[in-house]
Amino acid sequence: MRSVPLWALVSSGCAPVLLTAGWVVAGRLEGAAYDPVTQSISVLAAYGAPGFWVMTSALLGLGACHLLTALGLRVAVPVGRLALAGGGVAAVLVALVPTPSSGGSLRHGSLAAVGFTLLALWPVLAARRDPAAPWGLRLVPALAATAFMGAGALWFLVETTRQGPAGVAERLVTCVQSVWPLVVVASCLRCPVATPTAEEGE
């Protein structure tokens, strides 16, 4: 018996594809005016940007993928699934509240920060204490994923304040955050298990 439905593999696999395709296509539409090394993805989805609809659609699709994956990952601890779903909702809201054509946006920045946090925490929150759990839901890999995402987010903040390669840092973090659900789903499909016990879901 499969621990997760096959459609969760599709939703989790589409997430990194949509995100990467979004920033690549939107970046090309932006042209030489955009520097992917120092500028954030949000610039591509800003009001009036040439790639506005491309990047906005990609973020909406990313959020929908995370929501569907959270729904299908019934083998994970519920609080972790909730955090993943929350990260999906945050991605949708980030797309719906873009930055202005110039300057920043407190609402957009706050929503992005919430999304970063939830997507960084969900791996460890979803981990099971069962030694026979799928690899992606074991504590050590989950802790490593959360630590890496947290360190990447911190790097992004540091580079933003000193105007360094913030775009590179952001892409690294968001790429890992979009790929990790696929890793978890793939490991679950390779290891059919029962749903979490009441104790694990507490």
Protein backbone atom coordinates (compact mmCIF):
# COMPACT_ATOMS: atom_id res chain seq x y z
CA MET A 1 0.00 0.00 0.00
CA ARG A 2 1.40 3.42 -1.00
CA SER A 3 2.07 5.82 1.85
CA VAL A 4 1.30 8.84 -0.38
CA PRO A 5 -0.76 9.13 -3.59
CA LEU A 6 1.08 9.29 -6.90
CA TRP A 7 -0.38 12.71 -7.66
CA ALA A 8 1.69 14.08 -4.76
CA LEU A 9 4.77 13.17 -6.79
CA VAL A 10 3.42 15.30 -9.62
CA SER A 11 2.61 18.29 -7.40
CA SER A 12 5.95 18.16 -5.58
CA GLY A 13 7.85 17.69 -8.84
CA CYS A 14 6.13 20.63 -10.51
CA ALA A 15 7.05 23.04 -7.68
CA PRO A 16 10.79 23.47 -8.48
CA VAL A 17 10.09 23.42 -12.22
CA LEU A 18 7.54 26.24 -11.98
CA LEU A 19 9.75 28.33 -9.70
CA THR A 20 12.88 27.97 -11.81
CA ALA A 21 11.07 28.45 -15.11
CA GLY A 22 9.37 31.52 -13.67
CA TRP A 23 12.52 33.35 -12.68
CA VAL A 24 14.40 32.31 -15.86
CA VAL A 25 11.67 33.47 -18.25
CA ALA A 26 10.82 36.60 -16.26
CA GLY A 27 14.52 37.45 -16.03
CA ARG A 28 14.88 37.20 -19.80
CA LEU A 29 11.88 39.46 -20.29
CA GLU A 30 13.43 41.95 -17.88
CA GLY A 31 16.63 42.03 -19.92
CA ALA A 32 19.85 43.79 -18.94
CA ALA A 33 18.03 45.99 -16.42
CA TYR A 34 17.80 43.04 -14.05
CA ASP A 35 20.77 41.58 -12.18
CA PRO A 36 19.95 38.07 -10.87
CA VAL A 37 23.07 38.08 -8.69
CA THR A 38 22.12 41.04 -6.53
CA GLN A 39 18.37 41.51 -7.09
CA SER A 40 15.63 39.37 -5.58
CA ILE A 41 12.95 37.33 -7.31
CA SER A 42 10.35 39.78 -6.03
CA VAL A 43 11.70 42.42 -8.44
CA LEU A 44 10.59 40.19 -11.33
CA ALA A 45 7.04 40.09 -9.92
CA ALA A 46 6.85 43.82 -9.12
CA TYR A 47 4.07 45.98 -10.55
CA GLY A 48 4.94 47.06 -14.07
CA ALA A 49 7.83 44.61 -14.52
CA PRO A 50 7.99 43.02 -18.01
CA GLY A 51 7.83 39.55 -16.46
CA PHE A 52 5.18 40.41 -13.88
CA TRP A 53 2.59 37.89 -15.02
CA VAL A 54 5.17 35.17 -15.61
CA MET A 55 6.69 35.40 -12.12
CA THR A 56 3.30 35.95 -10.46
CA SER A 57 1.87 32.86 -12.18
CA ALA A 58 4.92 30.84 -11.15
CA LEU A 59 4.50 31.86 -7.49
CA LEU A 60 0.79 31.04 -7.58
CA GLY A 61 1.58 27.64 -9.08
CA LEU A 62 4.30 27.06 -6.49
CA GLY A 63 1.87 27.79 -3.66
CA ALA A 64 -0.76 25.48 -5.15
CA CYS A 65 1.82 22.69 -5.49
CA HIS A 66 2.83 23.00 -1.83
CA LEU A 67 -0.82 22.89 -0.75
CA LEU A 68 -1.49 19.76 -2.81
CA THR A 69 1.68 18.07 -1.60
CA ALA A 70 0.78 18.81 2.03
CA LEU A 71 -2.62 17.24 1.41
CA GLY A 72 -1.06 14.10 -0.06
CA LEU A 73 1.69 13.66 2.57
CA ARG A 74 -0.65 11.95 5.00
CA VAL A 75 2.22 9.84 6.37
CA ALA A 76 3.97 12.94 7.76
CA VAL A 77 3.29 14.36 11.21
CA PRO A 78 0.25 16.70 10.86
CA VAL A 79 1.94 19.83 12.23
CA GLY A 80 4.61 19.51 9.53
CA ARG A 81 1.99 19.14 6.82
CA LEU A 82 0.28 22.24 8.19
CA ALA A 83 3.56 24.19 8.02
CA LEU A 84 4.08 23.10 4.40
CA ALA A 85 0.53 24.13 3.55
CA GLY A 86 1.13 27.45 5.31
CA GLY A 87 4.22 27.97 3.18
CA GLY A 88 2.07 27.36 0.11
CA VAL A 89 -0.49 29.92 1.26
CA ALA A 90 2.33 32.41 1.91
CA ALA A 91 3.63 31.91 -1.65
CA VAL A 92 0.16 32.66 -3.02
CA LEU A 93 -0.15 35.78 -0.87
CA VAL A 94 3.35 36.95 -1.89
CA ALA A 95 2.18 36.71 -5.51
CA LEU A 96 -1.03 38.61 -4.76
CA VAL A 97 0.80 41.36 -2.82
CA PRO A 98 3.74 42.21 -5.08
CA THR A 99 6.29 44.90 -4.44
CA PRO A 100 5.78 48.32 -6.08
CA SER A 101 7.77 49.24 -9.18
CA SER A 102 10.19 51.15 -6.95
CA GLY A 103 10.99 50.83 -3.25
CA GLY A 104 10.02 48.05 -0.90
CA SER A 105 6.80 46.77 0.64
CA LEU A 106 6.40 45.87 4.30
CA ARG A 107 3.43 43.59 3.61
CA HIS A 108 5.24 41.76 0.83
CA GLY A 109 8.40 41.42 2.90
CA SER A 110 6.46 40.15 5.93
CA LEU A 111 4.61 37.55 3.89
CA ALA A 112 7.86 36.40 2.29
CA ALA A 113 9.49 36.10 5.72
CA VAL A 114 6.58 33.99 7.01
CA GLY A 115 6.83 31.76 3.95
CA PHE A 116 10.61 31.34 4.34
CA THR A 117 10.15 30.41 8.01
CA LEU A 118 7.34 27.89 7.49
CA LEU A 119 9.10 26.18 4.59
CA ALA A 120 12.33 26.01 6.59
CA LEU A 121 10.62 24.50 9.63
CA TRP A 122 8.27 22.03 8.00
CA PRO A 123 10.89 19.27 7.40
CA VAL A 124 11.72 18.91 11.10
CA LEU A 125 8.09 19.40 12.15
CA ALA A 126 6.99 16.64 9.77
CA ALA A 127 9.68 14.17 10.89
CA ARG A 128 8.59 10.97 12.60
CA ARG A 129 10.21 9.25 15.54
CA ASP A 130 9.74 5.88 13.88
CA PRO A 131 13.14 4.44 12.80
CA ALA A 132 11.36 2.67 9.95
CA ALA A 133 9.97 5.94 8.58
CA PRO A 134 10.81 6.96 5.00
CA TRP A 135 14.23 8.60 4.73
CA GLY A 136 12.81 12.06 4.07
CA LEU A 137 10.74 11.89 7.25
CA ARG A 138 13.57 10.78 9.54
CA LEU A 139 14.83 13.25 12.10
CA VAL A 140 18.47 13.58 11.01
CA PRO A 141 17.81 14.37 7.32
CA ALA A 142 14.94 16.66 8.34
CA LEU A 143 17.15 18.54 10.81
CA ALA A 144 19.85 18.89 8.18
CA ALA A 145 17.34 20.28 5.67
CA THR A 146 15.93 22.75 8.18
CA ALA A 147 19.42 23.87 9.26
CA PHE A 148 20.52 24.36 5.65
CA MET A 149 17.42 26.39 4.79
CA GLY A 150 17.80 28.47 7.92
CA ALA A 151 21.44 29.18 7.17
CA GLY A 152 20.56 30.09 3.60
CA ALA A 153 17.83 32.48 4.75
CA LEU A 154 20.30 34.12 7.14
CA TRP A 155 22.82 34.49 4.31
CA PHE A 156 20.11 36.12 2.20
CA LEU A 157 19.34 38.64 4.96
CA VAL A 158 23.02 39.48 5.43
CA GLU A 159 23.58 39.99 1.70
CA THR A 160 20.45 42.15 1.48
CA THR A 161 21.72 44.54 4.15
CA ARG A 162 25.17 44.90 2.57
CA GLN A 163 23.92 44.82 -1.04
CA GLY A 164 25.84 41.64 -1.84
CA PRO A 165 24.77 38.62 -3.94
CA ALA A 166 21.31 38.49 -2.35
CA GLY A 167 19.79 37.12 -5.56
CA VAL A 168 22.07 34.09 -5.46
CA ALA A 169 21.32 33.44 -1.79
CA GLU A 170 17.56 33.74 -2.33
CA ARG A 171 17.59 31.40 -5.30
CA LEU A 172 19.60 28.83 -3.39
CA VAL A 173 17.17 28.85 -0.45
CA THR A 174 14.00 28.86 -2.52
CA CYS A 175 15.37 26.11 -4.76
CA VAL A 176 16.08 23.83 -1.79
CA GLN A 177 12.71 24.66 -0.23
CA SER A 178 10.91 23.78 -3.45
CA VAL A 179 12.84 20.53 -3.98
CA TRP A 180 12.62 19.11 -0.44
CA PRO A 181 8.90 18.17 -0.68
CA LEU A 182 9.78 16.13 -3.79
CA VAL A 183 12.57 14.37 -1.86
CA VAL A 184 10.15 13.51 0.94
CA VAL A 185 7.41 12.27 -1.38
CA ALA A 186 9.87 10.16 -3.41
CA SER A 187 11.24 8.56 -0.23
CA CYS A 188 7.70 7.83 0.97
CA LEU A 189 6.80 6.13 -2.31
CA ARG A 190 9.87 3.90 -1.96
CA CYS A 191 8.94 2.95 1.60
CA PRO A 192 5.24 2.12 2.15
CA VAL A 193 4.37 2.68 5.80
CA ALA A 194 1.39 3.15 8.03
CA THR A 195 0.09 6.61 8.88
CA PRO A 196 1.59 8.30 11.98
CA THR A 197 0.39 7.22 15.37
CA ALA A 198 -1.45 9.57 17.71
CA GLU A 199 1.72 9.96 19.78
CA GLU A 200 3.75 11.06 16.71
CA GLY A 201 1.14 13.62 15.73
CA GLU A 202 1.19 15.36 19.10
